[in-house]
Protein backbone atom coordinates (compact mmCIF):
# COMPACT_ATOMS: atom_id res chain seq x y z
CA MET A 1 -0.16 44.89 22.41
CA LYS A 2 -1.72 45.00 18.97
CA GLN A 3 1.63 44.08 17.43
CA ALA A 4 2.03 41.09 19.77
CA ALA A 5 -1.41 39.80 18.77
CA PHE A 6 -0.47 40.24 15.11
CA VAL A 7 2.79 38.31 15.58
CA LEU A 8 0.97 35.51 17.41
CA GLY A 9 -1.58 35.37 14.59
CA VAL A 10 1.17 35.08 11.99
CA ILE A 11 2.93 32.34 13.99
CA ALA A 12 -0.34 30.43 14.41
CA THR A 13 -1.04 30.70 10.67
CA VAL A 14 2.45 29.48 9.77
CA LEU A 15 2.24 26.55 12.21
CA SER A 16 -1.19 25.48 10.97
CA THR A 17 -0.01 25.73 7.36
CA ILE A 18 3.02 23.55 8.15
CA ALA A 19 0.76 21.06 9.95
CA VAL A 20 -1.65 20.83 7.00
CA LEU A 21 1.21 20.45 4.52
CA GLY A 22 2.85 17.78 6.66
CA VAL A 23 -0.34 15.74 7.03
CA SER A 24 -1.22 15.99 3.33
CA TRP A 25 2.36 15.08 2.34
CA LEU A 26 2.28 11.98 4.57
CA TYR A 27 -1.14 11.01 3.16
CA ILE A 28 0.00 11.45 -0.46
CA GLU A 29 3.28 9.59 0.17
CA LYS A 30 1.38 6.69 1.74
CA LYS A 31 -1.06 6.58 -1.19
CA VAL A 32 1.75 6.67 -3.77
CA ARG A 33 3.67 3.96 -1.95
CA TYR A 34 0.50 1.84 -1.79
CA ILE A 35 -0.08 2.27 -5.53
CA THR A 36 3.54 1.56 -6.51
CA THR A 37 3.94 -1.49 -4.25
CA ASP A 38 4.03 -4.70 -6.29
CA ASP A 39 2.07 -6.63 -3.65
CA ASN A 40 -1.05 -4.59 -4.35
CA VAL A 41 -0.96 -4.75 -8.16
CA GLN A 42 -2.32 -8.30 -8.42
């Protein structure tokens, strides 16, 4: 039982890490695209 809880904890940690990385990557990509777009330089 203890091992199952440990495995679930590891899975939850991995999933949350992936979620945070995904969101931050999307945010950074959007920011970079906004900065590098010619329409917004003017």
